C-alpha atoms as a PDB file:
ATOM      1  CA  MET A   1      44.098  85.157  -1.023  1.00  0.00           C
ATOM      2  CA  ALA A   2      46.277  84.224  -3.962  1.00  0.00           C
ATOM      3  CA  THR A   3      44.270  81.505  -5.712  1.00  0.00           C
ATOM      4  CA  GLY A   4      40.980  81.330  -3.851  1.00  0.00           C
ATOM      5  CA  PRO A   5      39.031  78.101  -3.283  1.00  0.00           C
ATOM      6  CA  ALA A   6      40.388  74.940  -4.912  1.00  0.00           C
ATOM      7  CA  LEU A   7      38.696  71.556  -5.191  1.00  0.00           C
ATOM      8  CA  PRO A   8      40.698  68.530  -3.973  1.00  0.00           C
ATOM      9  CA  LEU A   9      41.376  66.840  -7.324  1.00  0.00           C
ATOM     10  CA  LEU A  10      44.174  64.478  -8.270  1.00  0.00           C
ATOM     11  CA  PRO A  11      47.049  64.874  -8.926  1.00  0.00           C
ATOM     12  CA  GLU A  12      46.700  68.442  -7.577  1.00  0.00           C
ATOM     13  CA  PRO A  13      43.915  70.759  -6.386  1.00  0.00           C
ATOM     14  CA  LEU A  14      42.013  72.688  -9.048  1.00  0.00           C
ATOM     15  CA  PRO A  15      41.436  76.406  -8.337  1.00  0.00           C
ATOM     16  CA  LEU A  16      37.868  77.297  -9.282  1.00  0.00           C
ATOM     17  CA  ARG A  17      39.242  80.440 -10.925  1.00  0.00           C
ATOM     18  CA  ALA A  18      40.765  78.149 -13.583  1.00  0.00           C
ATOM     19  CA  LEU A  19      37.241  77.661 -14.956  1.00  0.00           C
ATOM     20  CA  SER A  20      35.073  80.422 -16.356  1.00  0.00           C
ATOM     21  CA  ASP A  21      31.676  80.545 -14.595  1.00  0.00           C
ATOM     22  CA  PRO A  22      32.033  77.029 -13.131  1.00  0.00           C
ATOM     23  CA  LEU A  23      29.036  74.712 -12.785  1.00  0.00           C
ATOM     24  CA  LEU A  24      29.093  71.657 -10.490  1.00  0.00           C
ATOM     25  CA  VAL A  25      26.467  68.986 -11.194  1.00  0.00           C
ATOM     26  CA  ASP A  26      25.283  66.177  -8.919  1.00  0.00           C
ATOM     27  CA  PRO A  27      27.940  66.341  -6.217  1.00  0.00           C
ATOM     28  CA  GLY A  28      27.562  63.773  -3.463  1.00  0.00           C
ATOM     29  CA  PRO A  29      27.619  64.780   0.207  1.00  0.00           C
ATOM     30  CA  ARG A  30      31.410  64.462   0.512  1.00  0.00           C
ATOM     31  CA  LEU A  31      32.017  66.628  -2.539  1.00  0.00           C
ATOM     32  CA  LEU A  32      29.549  69.259  -1.302  1.00  0.00           C
ATOM     33  CA  ARG A  33      31.347  69.356   2.035  1.00  0.00           C
ATOM     34  CA  ALA A  34      34.664  69.625   0.180  1.00  0.00           C
ATOM     35  CA  VAL A  35      33.331  72.668  -1.698  1.00  0.00           C
ATOM     36  CA  ALA A  36      32.349  74.390   1.558  1.00  0.00           C
ATOM     37  CA  GLU A  37      35.721  73.512   3.079  1.00  0.00           C
ATOM     38  CA  ALA A  38      37.564  74.931   0.064  1.00  0.00           C
ATOM     39  CA  TYR A  39      35.766  78.254   0.462  1.00  0.00           C
ATOM     40  CA  ARG A  40      36.292  78.157   4.233  1.00  0.00           C
ATOM     41  CA  GLU A  41      40.043  77.797   3.757  1.00  0.00           C
ATOM     42  CA  ALA A  42      40.020  80.740   1.335  1.00  0.00           C
ATOM     43  CA  ALA A  43      37.776  83.031   3.431  1.00  0.00           C
ATOM     44  CA  PRO A  44      37.353  81.622   6.975  1.00  0.00           C
ATOM     45  CA  ALA A  45      35.847  84.758   8.491  1.00  0.00           C
ATOM     46  CA  LEU A  46      33.133  84.765   5.833  1.00  0.00           C
ATOM     47  CA  VAL A  47      32.272  81.068   5.860  1.00  0.00           C
ATOM     48  CA  GLU A  48      32.834  80.174   9.512  1.00  0.00           C
ATOM     49  CA  PRO A  49      33.414  83.391  11.466  1.00  0.00           C
ATOM     50  CA  THR A  50      34.453  83.222  15.086  1.00  0.00           C
ATOM     51  CA  VAL A  51      32.623  85.122  17.788  1.00  0.00           C
ATOM     52  CA  SER A  52      35.449  87.686  17.691  1.00  0.00           C
ATOM     53  CA  ASP A  53      35.038  88.101  13.929  1.00  0.00           C
ATOM     54  CA  LEU A  54      31.322  88.714  14.326  1.00  0.00           C
ATOM     55  CA  ALA A  55      31.671  91.069  17.264  1.00  0.00           C
ATOM     56  CA  SER A  56      34.180  93.182  15.329  1.00  0.00           C
ATOM     57  CA  GLY A  57      32.225  93.132  12.059  1.00  0.00           C
ATOM     58  CA  ARG A  58      35.005  91.411  10.110  1.00  0.00           C
ATOM     59  CA  ASP A  59      34.143  89.189   7.156  1.00  0.00           C
ATOM     60  CA  ALA A  60      37.663  88.362   6.059  1.00  0.00           C
ATOM     61  CA  GLU A  61      41.176  88.215   7.412  1.00  0.00           C
ATOM     62  CA  SER A  62      41.812  91.658   5.951  1.00  0.00           C
ATOM     63  CA  GLY A  63      39.048  93.081   8.152  1.00  0.00           C
ATOM     64  CA  GLU A  64      36.933  94.197   5.208  1.00  0.00           C
ATOM     65  CA  GLY A  65      33.215  94.878   5.570  1.00  0.00           C
ATOM     66  CA  PRO A  66      30.412  92.488   4.646  1.00  0.00           C
ATOM     67  CA  SER A  67      30.711  92.945   0.867  1.00  0.00           C
ATOM     68  CA  GLY A  68      34.476  92.548   0.630  1.00  0.00           C
ATOM     69  CA  PRO A  69      35.108  88.789   0.715  1.00  0.00           C
ATOM     70  CA  ALA A  70      32.245  87.830  -1.621  1.00  0.00           C
ATOM     71  CA  GLU A  71      33.618  90.188  -4.261  1.00  0.00           C
ATOM     72  CA  ASN A  72      36.958  88.361  -4.109  1.00  0.00           C
ATOM     73  CA  LEU A  73      35.544  84.848  -4.425  1.00  0.00           C
ATOM     74  CA  PRO A  74      34.551  83.017  -7.610  1.00  0.00           C
ATOM     75  CA  THR A  75      30.857  82.139  -7.820  1.00  0.00           C
ATOM     76  CA  LEU A  76      30.103  78.435  -8.164  1.00  0.00           C
ATOM     77  CA  ARG A  77      26.781  77.270  -9.540  1.00  0.00           C
ATOM     78  CA  VAL A  78      25.717  73.940  -8.054  1.00  0.00           C
ATOM     79  CA  LEU A  79      22.960  71.632  -9.279  1.00  0.00           C
ATOM     80  CA  ALA A  80      22.467  68.987  -6.576  1.00  0.00           C
ATOM     81  CA  CYS A  81      19.943  66.375  -5.488  1.00  0.00           C
ATOM     82  CA  GLU A  82      18.062  67.292  -2.339  1.00  0.00           C
ATOM     83  CA  SER A  83      19.124  64.054  -0.646  1.00  0.00           C
ATOM     84  CA  ALA A  84      22.803  64.916  -1.152  1.00  0.00           C
ATOM     85  CA  VAL A  85      22.324  68.427   0.246  1.00  0.00           C
ATOM     86  CA  ASP A  86      20.429  67.063   3.253  1.00  0.00           C
ATOM     87  CA  ALA A  87      23.212  64.567   3.987  1.00  0.00           C
ATOM     88  CA  ALA A  88      25.952  67.184   3.541  1.00  0.00           C
ATOM     89  CA  THR A  89      24.194  69.643   5.875  1.00  0.00           C
ATOM     90  CA  ALA A  90      23.024  67.256   8.584  1.00  0.00           C
ATOM     91  CA  GLY A  91      24.430  69.354  11.432  1.00  0.00           C
ATOM     92  CA  PHE A  92      24.734  73.041  12.255  1.00  0.00           C
ATOM     93  CA  ARG A  93      28.468  73.235  11.627  1.00  0.00           C
ATOM     94  CA  SER A  94      28.355  71.972   8.039  1.00  0.00           C
ATOM     95  CA  ALA A  95      24.983  73.532   7.180  1.00  0.00           C
ATOM     96  CA  SER A  96      25.956  76.998   8.415  1.00  0.00           C
ATOM     97  CA  ARG A  97      29.056  76.977   6.194  1.00  0.00           C
ATOM     98  CA  LEU A  98      26.980  76.361   3.082  1.00  0.00           C
ATOM     99  CA  ALA A  99      24.380  78.882   4.258  1.00  0.00           C
ATOM    100  CA  ALA A 100      27.099  81.532   4.534  1.00  0.00           C
ATOM    101  CA  LEU A 101      28.136  80.878   0.931  1.00  0.00           C
ATOM    102  CA  LEU A 102      24.526  81.177  -0.240  1.00  0.00           C
ATOM    103  CA  ASP A 103      24.069  84.419   1.714  1.00  0.00           C
ATOM    104  CA  ALA A 104      27.201  85.869   0.081  1.00  0.00           C
ATOM    105  CA  ASP A 105      26.189  84.649  -3.418  1.00  0.00           C
ATOM    106  CA  ALA A 106      29.477  82.724  -3.604  1.00  0.00           C
ATOM    107  CA  VAL A 107      27.447  79.556  -4.258  1.00  0.00           C
ATOM    108  CA  ASN A 108      24.198  79.424  -6.224  1.00  0.00           C
ATOM    109  CA  LEU A 109      22.503  76.165  -5.237  1.00  0.00           C
ATOM    110  CA  ARG A 110      19.608  74.649  -7.180  1.00  0.00           C
ATOM    111  CA  VAL A 111      17.730  71.355  -7.092  1.00  0.00           C
ATOM    112  CA  LEU A 112      18.668  68.564  -9.497  1.00  0.00           C
ATOM    113  CA  ASP A 113      15.638  66.472 -10.447  1.00  0.00           C
ATOM    114  CA  ALA A 114      17.458  63.175 -11.085  1.00  0.00           C
ATOM    115  CA  PRO A 115      20.885  61.684 -10.260  1.00  0.00           C
ATOM    116  CA  GLN A 116      23.509  61.626 -13.000  1.00  0.00           C
ATOM    117  CA  PRO A 117      26.029  58.857 -13.818  1.00  0.00           C
ATOM    118  CA  ASN A 118      28.844  60.954 -12.327  1.00  0.00           C
ATOM    119  CA  ALA A 119      29.399  64.326 -10.794  1.00  0.00           C
ATOM    120  CA  VAL A 120      30.366  66.913 -13.430  1.00  0.00           C
ATOM    121  CA  LEU A 121      32.372  70.116 -13.247  1.00  0.00           C
ATOM    122  CA  ALA A 122      32.034  72.348 -16.301  1.00  0.00           C
ATOM    123  CA  GLY A 123      33.370  75.729 -17.357  1.00  0.00           C
ATOM    124  CA  GLY A 124      32.989  77.785 -20.491  1.00  0.00           C
ATOM    125  CA  GLU A 125      35.806  76.036 -22.345  1.00  0.00           C
ATOM    126  CA  THR A 126      35.916  72.560 -20.826  1.00  0.00           C
ATOM    127  CA  GLY A 127      34.010  70.064 -18.733  1.00  0.00           C
ATOM    128  CA  PHE A 128      34.739  66.706 -17.148  1.00  0.00           C
ATOM    129  CA  ALA A 129      33.335  64.014 -14.899  1.00  0.00           C
ATOM    130  CA  LEU A 130      34.536  63.707 -11.313  1.00  0.00           C
ATOM    131  CA  VAL A 131      35.185  60.250  -9.917  1.00  0.00           C
ATOM    132  CA  GLU A 132      35.993  59.885  -6.238  1.00  0.00           C
ATOM    133  CA  GLY A 133      39.438  58.426  -5.713  1.00  0.00           C
ATOM    134  CA  GLU A 134      41.685  57.838  -2.768  1.00  0.00           C
ATOM    135  CA  ARG A 135      41.253  59.456   0.601  1.00  0.00           C
ATOM    136  CA  GLY A 136      44.050  61.341   2.280  1.00  0.00           C
ATOM    137  CA  SER A 137      46.025  60.276   5.308  1.00  0.00           C
ATOM    138  CA  PRO A 138      44.777  60.816   8.857  1.00  0.00           C
ATOM    139  CA  ASP A 139      47.313  63.660   9.105  1.00  0.00           C
ATOM    140  CA  ASP A 140      45.331  65.745   6.610  1.00  0.00           C
ATOM    141  CA  GLY A 141      41.939  64.731   7.977  1.00  0.00           C
ATOM    142  CA  GLY A 142      41.406  61.852   5.542  1.00  0.00           C
ATOM    143  CA  THR A 143      39.995  64.243   2.933  1.00  0.00           C
ATOM    144  CA  SER A 144      38.542  62.595  -0.164  1.00  0.00           C
ATOM    145  CA  ARG A 145      40.024  63.481  -3.534  1.00  0.00           C
ATOM    146  CA  TRP A 146      38.531  63.212  -7.018  1.00  0.00           C
ATOM    147  CA  HIS A 147      39.889  62.294 -10.469  1.00  0.00           C
ATOM    148  CA  ARG A 148      38.866  64.361 -13.486  1.00  0.00           C
ATOM    149  CA  VAL A 149      37.769  62.198 -16.429  1.00  0.00           C
ATOM    150  CA  GLY A 150      37.400  63.389 -20.031  1.00  0.00           C
ATOM    151  CA  ASP A 151      37.295  66.836 -21.609  1.00  0.00           C
ATOM    152  CA  ASP A 152      33.916  67.759 -23.042  1.00  0.00           C
ATOM    153  CA  ALA A 153      33.079  71.407 -23.651  1.00  0.00           C
ATOM    154  CA  SER A 154      29.451  70.488 -24.462  1.00  0.00           C
ATOM    155  CA  LEU A 155      28.767  69.607 -20.825  1.00  0.00           C
ATOM    156  CA  ARG A 156      28.343  73.272 -20.003  1.00  0.00           C
ATOM    157  CA  GLY A 157      25.544  73.769 -22.513  1.00  0.00           C
ATOM    158  CA  ARG A 158      23.895  70.481 -21.606  1.00  0.00           C
ATOM    159  CA  TYR A 159      23.636  71.247 -17.906  1.00  0.00           C
ATOM    160  CA  GLY A 160      23.489  75.032 -18.100  1.00  0.00           C
ATOM    161  CA  SER A 161      19.925  74.965 -19.406  1.00  0.00           C
ATOM    162  CA  ARG A 162      18.870  72.514 -16.682  1.00  0.00           C
ATOM    163  CA  PHE A 163      20.375  74.787 -14.065  1.00  0.00           C
ATOM    164  CA  ALA A 164      18.473  77.782 -15.451  1.00  0.00           C
ATOM    165  CA  ASP A 165      15.178  75.880 -15.163  1.00  0.00           C
ATOM    166  CA  ALA A 166      15.846  74.413 -11.713  1.00  0.00           C
ATOM    167  CA  GLU A 167      14.378  75.653  -8.425  1.00  0.00           C
ATOM    168  CA  PRO A 168      16.629  77.243  -5.775  1.00  0.00           C
ATOM    169  CA  HIS A 169      17.422  75.030  -2.792  1.00  0.00           C
ATOM    170  CA  ARG A 170      16.375  76.463   0.589  1.00  0.00           C
ATOM    171  CA  LEU A 171      18.457  75.423   3.565  1.00  0.00           C
ATOM    172  CA  ARG A 172      16.754  74.899   6.920  1.00  0.00           C
ATOM    173  CA  THR A 173      19.807  76.109   8.837  1.00  0.00           C
ATOM    174  CA  PRO A 174      21.106  79.719   8.811  1.00  0.00           C
ATOM    175  CA  SER A 175      24.688  80.918   8.690  1.00  0.00           C
ATOM    176  CA  ARG A 176      26.615  81.717  11.856  1.00  0.00           C
ATOM    177  CA  ARG A 177      26.499  85.392  10.915  1.00  0.00           C
ATOM    178  CA  ARG A 178      22.713  85.435  10.643  1.00  0.00           C
ATOM    179  CA  VAL A 179      22.361  83.657  13.993  1.00  0.00           C
ATOM    180  CA  TYR A 180      24.685  86.136  15.679  1.00  0.00           C
ATOM    181  CA  GLU A 181      23.059  89.204  14.148  1.00  0.00           C
ATOM    182  CA  GLY A 182      19.532  87.988  14.925  1.00  0.00           C
ATOM    183  CA  PHE A 183      20.271  87.609  18.633  1.00  0.00           C
ATOM    184  CA  ALA A 184      22.521  90.663  18.833  1.00  0.00           C
ATOM    185  CA  SER A 185      19.819  92.935  17.403  1.00  0.00           C
ATOM    186  CA  ARG A 186      16.956  91.656  19.600  1.00  0.00           C
ATOM    187  CA  CYS A 187      18.952  90.835  22.755  1.00  0.00           C
ATOM    188  CA  ASP A 188      22.620  91.843  22.763  1.00  0.00           C
ATOM    189  CA  GLY A 189      26.061  90.705  21.674  1.00  0.00           C
ATOM    190  CA  THR A 190      26.639  88.765  24.884  1.00  0.00           C
ATOM    191  CA  VAL A 191      23.574  86.613  24.263  1.00  0.00           C
ATOM    192  CA  ALA A 192      24.477  86.200  20.586  1.00  0.00           C
ATOM    193  CA  ALA A 193      27.969  85.002  21.490  1.00  0.00           C
ATOM    194  CA  ALA A 194      26.568  82.594  24.086  1.00  0.00           C
ATOM    195  CA  VAL A 195      24.201  81.101  21.500  1.00  0.00           C
ATOM    196  CA  LEU A 196      27.045  80.354  19.086  1.00  0.00           C
ATOM    197  CA  ARG A 197      29.180  78.832  21.825  1.00  0.00           C
ATOM    198  CA  VAL A 198      26.352  76.476  22.767  1.00  0.00           C
ATOM    199  CA  LEU A 199      25.764  75.555  19.111  1.00  0.00           C
ATOM    200  CA  ASP A 200      29.484  74.828  18.779  1.00  0.00           C
ATOM    201  CA  ALA A 201      29.626  72.735  21.950  1.00  0.00           C
ATOM    202  CA  SER A 202      29.965  68.995  21.631  1.00  0.00           C
ATOM    203  CA  SER A 203      28.075  66.533  23.785  1.00  0.00           C
ATOM    204  CA  ASP A 204      28.258  62.867  24.655  1.00  0.00           C
ATOM    205  CA  SER A 205      25.662  62.223  21.961  1.00  0.00           C
ATOM    206  CA  ASP A 206      27.280  64.038  19.030  1.00  0.00           C
ATOM    207  CA  GLY A 207      31.004  64.121  19.795  1.00  0.00           C
ATOM    208  CA  SER A 208      33.481  66.729  18.644  1.00  0.00           C
ATOM    209  CA  GLY A 209      34.027  65.079  15.265  1.00  0.00           C
ATOM    210  CA  THR A 210      30.415  65.371  14.079  1.00  0.00           C
ATOM    211  CA  PRO A 211      28.875  68.306  12.208  1.00  0.00           C
ATOM    212  CA  GLY A 212      26.964  69.692  15.189  1.00  0.00           C
ATOM    213  CA  PRO A 213      23.315  69.649  16.282  1.00  0.00           C
ATOM    214  CA  ASN A 214      20.525  68.898  13.839  1.00  0.00           C
ATOM    215  CA  PRO A 215      17.932  71.636  13.099  1.00  0.00           C
ATOM    216  CA  GLU A 216      15.618  70.720  15.994  1.00  0.00           C
ATOM    217  CA  GLU A 217      18.518  70.463  18.458  1.00  0.00           C
ATOM    218  CA  THR A 218      19.833  73.782  17.144  1.00  0.00           C
ATOM    219  CA  ARG A 219      16.523  75.494  17.926  1.00  0.00           C
ATOM    220  CA  ILE A 220      16.341  74.003  21.408  1.00  0.00           C
ATOM    221  CA  ARG A 221      19.932  74.939  22.255  1.00  0.00           C
ATOM    222  CA  ALA A 222      19.529  78.509  21.003  1.00  0.00           C
ATOM    223  CA  TYR A 223      16.265  79.029  22.885  1.00  0.00           C
ATOM    224  CA  ALA A 224      17.758  77.526  26.046  1.00  0.00           C
ATOM    225  CA  VAL A 225      20.502  80.157  25.994  1.00  0.00           C
ATOM    226  CA  GLY A 226      17.864  82.897  25.934  1.00  0.00           C
ATOM    227  CA  VAL A 227      16.129  81.248  28.869  1.00  0.00           C
ATOM    228  CA  ARG A 228      19.437  81.136  30.774  1.00  0.00           C
ATOM    229  CA  GLU A 229      19.838  84.857  30.045  1.00  0.00           C
ATOM    230  CA  ALA A 230      16.327  85.604  31.414  1.00  0.00           C
ATOM    231  CA  ALA A 231      15.143  87.092  28.130  1.00  0.00           C
ATOM    232  CA  LEU A 232      11.614  88.367  27.642  1.00  0.00           C
ATOM    233  CA  ASP A 233       9.449  85.654  26.120  1.00  0.00           C
ATOM    234  CA  ARG A 234       8.340  87.632  23.061  1.00  0.00           C
ATOM    235  CA  THR A 235      11.805  89.143  22.497  1.00  0.00           C
ATOM    236  CA  LEU A 236      13.436  85.711  22.458  1.00  0.00           C
ATOM    237  CA  ARG A 237      10.925  84.276  19.998  1.00  0.00           C
ATOM    238  CA  ARG A 238      11.497  87.251  17.682  1.00  0.00           C
ATOM    239  CA  ALA A 239      15.278  86.879  18.023  1.00  0.00           C
ATOM    240  CA  CYS A 240      15.025  83.224  17.007  1.00  0.00           C
ATOM    241  CA  GLU A 241      12.936  84.249  13.999  1.00  0.00           C
ATOM    242  CA  ASP A 242      15.398  86.972  12.967  1.00  0.00           C
ATOM    243  CA  ALA A 243      18.220  84.431  13.311  1.00  0.00           C
ATOM    244  CA  GLY A 244      16.523  82.207  10.726  1.00  0.00           C
ATOM    245  CA  LEU A 245      15.867  79.371  13.150  1.00  0.00           C
ATOM    246  CA  GLY A 246      12.079  79.229  12.785  1.00  0.00           C
ATOM    247  CA  SER A 247       8.828  81.103  13.265  1.00  0.00           C
ATOM    248  CA  PRO A 248       7.617  82.461  16.641  1.00  0.00           C
ATOM    249  CA  SER A 249       5.093  79.600  16.769  1.00  0.00           C
ATOM    250  CA  THR A 250       7.972  77.127  16.431  1.00  0.00           C
ATOM    251  CA  PHE A 251       9.495  78.548  19.586  1.00  0.00           C
ATOM    252  CA  THR A 252       6.182  78.534  21.405  1.00  0.00           C
ATOM    253  CA  ARG A 253       6.414  74.770  20.889  1.00  0.00           C
ATOM    254  CA  ILE A 254      10.071  74.698  22.041  1.00  0.00           C
ATOM    255  CA  LYS A 255       9.092  76.621  25.170  1.00  0.00           C
ATOM    256  CA  ARG A 256       6.362  74.057  25.870  1.00  0.00           C
ATOM    257  CA  LEU A 257       8.854  71.183  25.510  1.00  0.00           C
ATOM    258  CA  LEU A 258      11.283  72.845  27.920  1.00  0.00           C
ATOM    259  CA  GLY A 259       8.433  73.553  30.334  1.00  0.00           C
ATOM    260  CA  GLU A 260       7.303  69.910  30.264  1.00  0.00           C
ATOM    261  CA  ALA A 261      10.906  68.929  31.041  1.00  0.00           C
ATOM    262  CA  GLY A 262      10.919  71.254  34.073  1.00  0.00           C
ATOM    263  CA  LEU A 263      13.554  73.543  32.591  1.00  0.00           C
ATOM    264  CA  VAL A 264      11.680  76.828  32.155  1.00  0.00           C
ATOM    265  CA  GLU A 265       8.981  78.909  33.802  1.00  0.00           C
ATOM    266  CA  THR A 266       7.740  82.430  33.181  1.00  0.00           C
ATOM    267  CA  GLU A 267       7.229  85.353  35.493  1.00  0.00           C
ATOM    268  CA  PRO A 268       5.292  88.555  34.795  1.00  0.00           C
ATOM    269  CA  VAL A 269       7.174  91.792  34.211  1.00  0.00           C
ATOM    270  CA  PRO A 270       5.322  94.780  35.683  1.00  0.00           C
ATOM    271  CA  GLN A 271       4.255  97.297  33.034  1.00  0.00           C
ATOM    272  CA  PRO A 272       2.723 100.678  33.836  1.00  0.00           C
ATOM    273  CA  VAL A 273       0.918 100.687  30.509  1.00  0.00           C
ATOM    274  CA  GLY A 274       0.693  98.554  27.411  1.00  0.00           C
ATOM    275  CA  ARG A 275       0.807  94.858  26.745  1.00  0.00           C
ATOM    276  CA  PRO A 276       1.738  92.554  29.672  1.00  0.00           C
ATOM    277  CA  ARG A 277       5.168  90.932  29.338  1.00  0.00           C
ATOM    278  CA  THR A 278       6.651  87.759  30.730  1.00  0.00           C
ATOM    279  CA  ARG A 279      10.258  86.904  31.469  1.00  0.00           C
ATOM    280  CA  LEU A 280      11.716  83.436  31.056  1.00  0.00           C
ATOM    281  CA  VAL A 281      13.258  81.811  34.116  1.00  0.00           C
ATOM    282  CA  ALA A 282      15.556  78.782  33.908  1.00  0.00           C
ATOM    283  CA  ARG A 283      14.813  75.893  36.237  1.00  0.00           C
ATOM    284  CA  GLY A 284      16.402  72.582  37.147  1.00  0.00           C
ATOM    285  CA  ALA A 285      19.513  71.484  35.267  1.00  0.00           C
ATOM    286  CA  LEU A 286      19.264  74.463  32.916  1.00  0.00           C
ATOM    287  CA  ALA A 287      19.409  76.917  35.818  1.00  0.00           C
ATOM    288  CA  ALA A 288      22.462  75.095  37.185  1.00  0.00           C
ATOM    289  CA  ALA A 289      24.312  75.012  33.837  1.00  0.00           C
ATOM    290  CA  GLU A 290      27.389  77.237  33.809  1.00  0.00           C
ATOM    291  CA  THR A 291      29.193  76.165  30.629  1.00  0.00           C
ATOM    292  CA  PRO A 292      28.027  75.582  27.035  1.00  0.00           C
ATOM    293  CA  GLU A 293      28.540  71.841  27.512  1.00  0.00           C
ATOM    294  CA  GLU A 294      26.389  71.844  30.646  1.00  0.00           C
ATOM    295  CA  THR A 295      23.657  73.742  28.790  1.00  0.00           C
ATOM    296  CA  VAL A 296      23.741  71.126  26.026  1.00  0.00           C
ATOM    297  CA  ALA A 297      23.547  68.339  28.613  1.00  0.00           C
ATOM    298  CA  ALA A 298      20.605  70.033  30.357  1.00  0.00           C
ATOM    299  CA  VAL A 299      18.433  70.046  27.210  1.00  0.00           C
ATOM    300  CA  ARG A 300      19.579  66.717  25.787  1.00  0.00           C
ATOM    301  CA  GLY A 301      16.602  64.530  24.980  1.00  0.00           C
ATOM    302  CA  VAL A 302      14.011  67.328  25.210  1.00  0.00           C
ATOM    303  CA  ALA A 303      12.907  66.712  21.615  1.00  0.00           C
ATOM    304  CA  ASP A 304      12.608  62.928  22.030  1.00  0.00           C
END
């Protein structure tokens, strides 16, 4: 990684390392997504690890352990409006990227109390407004690019104090790594991999070009995989909790929704001593599902 993450500015990208202790203020959804994409390009196995990356314990292309990539990345402080963060993280794919950066302390995200006239990027020696300009060609994904306007070193002091007083922003969606590790520890790696494949799967309702399932759809898909794998009821609810997807009571509700849709039943597991246990049994379209896409189709509309 020669330069690390770079923001798509005009006339050329700006490496974040060019600024000392950079602070980004009031980015809109597109700029927030551009930040996550810049870090993903610099450290893909940290930001958006594949199932193979996670199974092997790699966090970076070099194969370093969990602390390696974060140590090599510049830390970006971000002061953003909650509405912009919500729009930028509307689906699992985009939200999990930002969550990975928060987990690794590569991004420090806090809540901005009021919109500003323009987005601002400030370092120790300089600062400037960011104005969205032209979008790229379809060949490069139509990525938006921003113009830098002005040169004002006082911007850092002006917004630095507001950042220090601001509250941290809590995402509702976990990183891919946390999802994998939560299911791998409570169930096994096979189940964890199956969960990610179902979360990555497109459907007729979201399409391959969208950012993935919303938080409720994410919970339902993940739980449905555990049902397909005949997990123990309590074990699956704890796995979902460890994965950062919600509390056990949340998944008691998800189980009820799937039951009302005729997609899950339970059966007792004989125990010589101790607390009785129940195993989840897939029914209907969920029992017949053989691919991630078929699993997604089986639970589509359950939350409606």
